[in-house]
Amino acid sequence: MVWHTWDHSSPKPNSIWLSTSDDLLNWTTPKIVVAAKGNERCWYPTVLGDSDVCCREKSLLCYARFPAKSKNERQFLVRELLFKDDR
């Protein structure tokens, strides 16, 4: 699961976080995947994998980056996500 944080709602506002689960009951500790810098906002994340509910070791993270929070100008970016089994 990926999500973005709001202003003042977390230690890293306007950033993208990720948590994973094998059973949808137990989740890993959330980690920042994209940390917003300065006045930017990174929002609307989605992960593209094998389906809309499953991805394997390699997937894509797609999101919008607003260079300045106060403007509507944005870039749509894609990054590769690599998952590894830490068990």
N, C-alpha and C. Protein backbone atom coordinates (compact mmCIF):
# COMPACT_ATOMS: atom_id res chain seq x y z
N MET A 1 0.85 -1.16 0.00
CA MET A 1 0.00 0.00 0.00
C MET A 1 0.90 1.23 0.00
N VAL A 2 0.53 2.22 -0.80
CA VAL A 2 1.25 3.50 -0.81
C VAL A 2 0.26 4.62 -0.53
N TRP A 3 0.75 5.69 0.08
CA TRP A 3 -0.08 6.86 0.37
C TRP A 3 0.81 8.08 0.52
N HIS A 4 0.17 9.24 0.43
CA HIS A 4 0.92 10.48 0.67
C HIS A 4 0.44 11.11 1.98
N THR A 5 1.34 11.82 2.62
CA THR A 5 1.01 12.50 3.87
C THR A 5 0.66 13.96 3.59
N TRP A 6 -0.08 14.54 4.49
CA TRP A 6 -0.52 15.93 4.37
C TRP A 6 0.42 16.84 5.17
N ASP A 7 0.27 18.14 4.96
CA ASP A 7 1.02 19.11 5.75
C ASP A 7 0.78 18.85 7.24
N HIS A 8 1.84 18.79 8.00
CA HIS A 8 1.81 18.66 9.47
C HIS A 8 1.18 17.37 9.97
N SER A 9 0.98 16.36 9.10
CA SER A 9 0.37 15.11 9.57
C SER A 9 1.40 14.03 9.86
N SER A 10 2.65 14.32 9.59
CA SER A 10 3.69 13.32 9.81
C SER A 10 5.04 14.02 9.93
N PRO A 11 6.07 13.28 10.32
CA PRO A 11 7.40 13.88 10.39
C PRO A 11 7.91 14.33 9.01
N LYS A 12 7.38 13.73 7.95
CA LYS A 12 7.76 14.10 6.57
C LYS A 12 6.51 14.42 5.78
N PRO A 13 5.94 15.63 5.93
CA PRO A 13 4.71 15.96 5.19
C PRO A 13 4.94 16.01 3.69
N ASN A 14 3.87 15.75 2.94
CA ASN A 14 3.86 15.82 1.48
C ASN A 14 4.77 14.78 0.84
N SER A 15 5.03 13.69 1.55
CA SER A 15 5.89 12.63 1.07
C SER A 15 5.08 11.36 0.80
N ILE A 16 5.71 10.38 0.14
CA ILE A 16 5.05 9.13 -0.20
C ILE A 16 5.63 8.01 0.67
N TRP A 17 4.73 7.24 1.27
CA TRP A 17 5.09 6.15 2.18
C TRP A 17 4.62 4.83 1.61
N LEU A 18 5.22 3.74 2.11
CA LEU A 18 4.87 2.40 1.65
C LEU A 18 4.88 1.42 2.81
N SER A 19 3.93 0.51 2.81
CA SER A 19 3.88 -0.59 3.77
C SER A 19 3.39 -1.82 3.00
N THR A 20 3.88 -3.00 3.34
CA THR A 20 3.50 -4.22 2.63
C THR A 20 2.88 -5.23 3.57
N SER A 21 2.12 -6.16 2.97
CA SER A 21 1.47 -7.22 3.74
C SER A 21 1.30 -8.44 2.86
N ASP A 22 1.50 -9.61 3.42
CA ASP A 22 1.23 -10.86 2.71
C ASP A 22 -0.22 -11.32 2.90
N ASP A 23 -0.85 -10.87 4.00
CA ASP A 23 -2.19 -11.37 4.33
C ASP A 23 -3.23 -10.26 4.53
N LEU A 24 -2.84 -9.02 4.37
CA LEU A 24 -3.71 -7.84 4.54
C LEU A 24 -4.18 -7.65 5.98
N LEU A 25 -3.59 -8.40 6.90
CA LEU A 25 -3.87 -8.23 8.33
C LEU A 25 -2.65 -7.70 9.07
N ASN A 26 -1.50 -8.16 8.70
CA ASN A 26 -0.24 -7.77 9.33
C ASN A 26 0.58 -6.97 8.32
N TRP A 27 0.99 -5.77 8.73
CA TRP A 27 1.68 -4.84 7.82
C TRP A 27 3.07 -4.52 8.33
N THR A 28 3.97 -4.27 7.41
CA THR A 28 5.32 -3.84 7.78
C THR A 28 5.28 -2.41 8.28
N THR A 29 6.31 -2.02 9.01
CA THR A 29 6.44 -0.64 9.47
C THR A 29 6.53 0.27 8.24
N PRO A 30 5.74 1.34 8.18
CA PRO A 30 5.79 2.23 7.01
C PRO A 30 7.18 2.82 6.81
N LYS A 31 7.54 2.96 5.53
CA LYS A 31 8.82 3.57 5.14
C LYS A 31 8.56 4.65 4.11
N ILE A 32 9.38 5.68 4.14
CA ILE A 32 9.29 6.73 3.13
C ILE A 32 9.92 6.22 1.84
N VAL A 33 9.18 6.35 0.74
CA VAL A 33 9.69 5.95 -0.56
C VAL A 33 10.16 7.18 -1.34
N VAL A 34 9.42 8.29 -1.20
CA VAL A 34 9.79 9.56 -1.82
C VAL A 34 9.61 10.64 -0.76
N ALA A 35 10.69 11.27 -0.36
CA ALA A 35 10.63 12.35 0.63
C ALA A 35 10.56 13.70 -0.07
N ALA A 36 9.53 14.47 0.24
CA ALA A 36 9.40 15.81 -0.33
C ALA A 36 10.50 16.71 0.23
N LYS A 37 11.01 17.56 -0.61
CA LYS A 37 12.07 18.50 -0.20
C LYS A 37 11.55 19.93 -0.31
N GLY A 38 11.93 20.74 0.65
CA GLY A 38 11.58 22.17 0.59
C GLY A 38 10.09 22.39 0.47
N ASN A 39 9.70 23.10 -0.59
CA ASN A 39 8.32 23.51 -0.80
C ASN A 39 7.58 22.58 -1.77
N GLU A 40 8.13 21.41 -2.07
CA GLU A 40 7.47 20.53 -3.03
C GLU A 40 6.45 19.62 -2.35
N ARG A 41 5.64 19.00 -3.17
CA ARG A 41 4.62 18.05 -2.71
C ARG A 41 4.67 16.84 -3.64
N CYS A 42 4.73 15.65 -3.08
CA CYS A 42 4.70 14.41 -3.85
C CYS A 42 3.42 13.67 -3.46
N TRP A 43 2.50 13.58 -4.40
CA TRP A 43 1.17 13.07 -4.09
C TRP A 43 0.67 12.09 -5.14
N TYR A 44 -0.49 11.51 -4.85
CA TYR A 44 -1.23 10.61 -5.74
C TYR A 44 -0.43 9.39 -6.19
N PRO A 45 0.18 8.67 -5.24
CA PRO A 45 0.98 7.51 -5.64
C PRO A 45 0.12 6.29 -6.00
N THR A 46 0.63 5.51 -6.90
CA THR A 46 0.05 4.20 -7.19
C THR A 46 1.18 3.27 -7.62
N VAL A 47 1.03 2.01 -7.32
CA VAL A 47 2.01 1.00 -7.70
C VAL A 47 1.44 0.18 -8.84
N LEU A 48 2.21 0.03 -9.89
CA LEU A 48 1.82 -0.81 -11.02
C LEU A 48 2.62 -2.10 -10.95
N GLY A 49 1.91 -3.20 -10.86
CA GLY A 49 2.56 -4.50 -10.78
C GLY A 49 1.86 -5.49 -11.68
N ASP A 50 1.78 -6.75 -11.22
CA ASP A 50 1.13 -7.79 -12.01
C ASP A 50 -0.37 -7.55 -12.15
N SER A 51 -0.97 -6.93 -11.13
CA SER A 51 -2.39 -6.61 -11.14
C SER A 51 -2.59 -5.39 -10.25
N ASP A 52 -3.85 -5.04 -9.99
CA ASP A 52 -4.10 -3.88 -9.14
C ASP A 52 -3.97 -4.21 -7.65
N VAL A 53 -3.75 -5.48 -7.30
CA VAL A 53 -3.60 -5.86 -5.90
C VAL A 53 -2.32 -6.65 -5.61
N CYS A 54 -1.53 -6.92 -6.62
CA CYS A 54 -0.34 -7.74 -6.41
C CYS A 54 0.82 -7.26 -7.27
N CYS A 55 2.00 -7.26 -6.68
CA CYS A 55 3.20 -6.97 -7.45
C CYS A 55 4.30 -7.90 -6.99
N ARG A 56 5.26 -8.09 -7.82
CA ARG A 56 6.37 -9.00 -7.50
C ARG A 56 7.58 -8.18 -7.11
N GLU A 57 8.76 -8.77 -7.30
CA GLU A 57 10.00 -8.10 -6.89
C GLU A 57 10.19 -6.74 -7.55
N LYS A 58 9.85 -6.63 -8.84
CA LYS A 58 9.98 -5.36 -9.56
C LYS A 58 8.60 -4.80 -9.88
N SER A 59 8.39 -3.55 -9.55
CA SER A 59 7.14 -2.85 -9.85
C SER A 59 7.46 -1.40 -10.16
N LEU A 60 6.44 -0.65 -10.52
CA LEU A 60 6.63 0.77 -10.81
C LEU A 60 5.82 1.61 -9.83
N LEU A 61 6.42 2.68 -9.35
CA LEU A 61 5.73 3.67 -8.53
C LEU A 61 5.48 4.88 -9.42
N CYS A 62 4.23 5.25 -9.58
CA CYS A 62 3.85 6.43 -10.36
C CYS A 62 3.26 7.46 -9.40
N TYR A 63 3.63 8.72 -9.58
CA TYR A 63 3.12 9.76 -8.68
C TYR A 63 3.25 11.14 -9.32
N ALA A 64 2.60 12.11 -8.71
CA ALA A 64 2.68 13.50 -9.16
C ALA A 64 3.61 14.28 -8.23
N ARG A 65 4.49 15.07 -8.81
CA ARG A 65 5.39 15.93 -8.04
C ARG A 65 5.04 17.38 -8.35
N PHE A 66 4.68 18.11 -7.32
CA PHE A 66 4.39 19.55 -7.44
C PHE A 66 5.63 20.28 -6.94
N PRO A 67 6.41 20.94 -7.82
CA PRO A 67 7.63 21.63 -7.38
C PRO A 67 7.35 22.72 -6.34
N ALA A 68 6.19 23.37 -6.44
CA ALA A 68 5.80 24.42 -5.49
C ALA A 68 4.37 24.12 -5.04
N LYS A 69 4.17 23.90 -3.74
CA LYS A 69 2.86 23.53 -3.21
C LYS A 69 1.77 24.52 -3.57
N SER A 70 2.11 25.78 -3.70
CA SER A 70 1.10 26.81 -3.91
C SER A 70 0.67 26.93 -5.37
N LYS A 71 1.27 26.15 -6.28
CA LYS A 71 0.92 26.23 -7.70
C LYS A 71 0.37 24.89 -8.17
N ASN A 72 -0.40 24.93 -9.26
CA ASN A 72 -0.97 23.70 -9.81
C ASN A 72 -0.03 22.97 -10.76
N GLU A 73 1.10 23.57 -11.09
CA GLU A 73 2.06 22.93 -11.99
C GLU A 73 2.56 21.63 -11.37
N ARG A 74 2.59 20.55 -12.18
CA ARG A 74 3.06 19.27 -11.66
C ARG A 74 3.75 18.45 -12.74
N GLN A 75 4.52 17.50 -12.28
CA GLN A 75 5.18 16.54 -13.15
C GLN A 75 4.65 15.16 -12.76
N PHE A 76 4.49 14.30 -13.75
CA PHE A 76 4.12 12.92 -13.46
C PHE A 76 5.37 12.07 -13.62
N LEU A 77 5.75 11.38 -12.55
CA LEU A 77 7.01 10.64 -12.52
C LEU A 77 6.78 9.16 -12.31
N VAL A 78 7.73 8.36 -12.78
CA VAL A 78 7.70 6.91 -12.60
C VAL A 78 9.06 6.48 -12.08
N ARG A 79 9.04 5.67 -11.03
CA ARG A 79 10.27 5.11 -10.45
C ARG A 79 10.10 3.60 -10.33
N GLU A 80 11.20 2.90 -10.45
CA GLU A 80 11.15 1.45 -10.24
C GLU A 80 11.20 1.16 -8.74
N LEU A 81 10.37 0.23 -8.31
CA LEU A 81 10.39 -0.25 -6.94
C LEU A 81 10.94 -1.68 -6.96
N LEU A 82 11.88 -1.95 -6.09
CA LEU A 82 12.42 -3.31 -5.97
C LEU A 82 12.11 -3.81 -4.56
N PHE A 83 11.38 -4.89 -4.48
CA PHE A 83 11.04 -5.50 -3.19
C PHE A 83 11.93 -6.71 -2.98
N LYS A 84 12.33 -6.91 -1.74
CA LYS A 84 13.06 -8.14 -1.43
C LYS A 84 12.47 -8.75 -0.18
N ASP A 85 12.53 -10.04 -0.10
CA ASP A 85 11.98 -10.78 1.03
C ASP A 85 13.02 -10.78 2.15
N ASP A 86 12.69 -10.15 3.27
CA ASP A 86 13.62 -10.04 4.41
C ASP A 86 13.43 -11.17 5.42
N ARG A 87 12.64 -12.16 5.09
CA ARG A 87 12.39 -13.25 6.05
C ARG A 87 13.59 -14.12 6.21
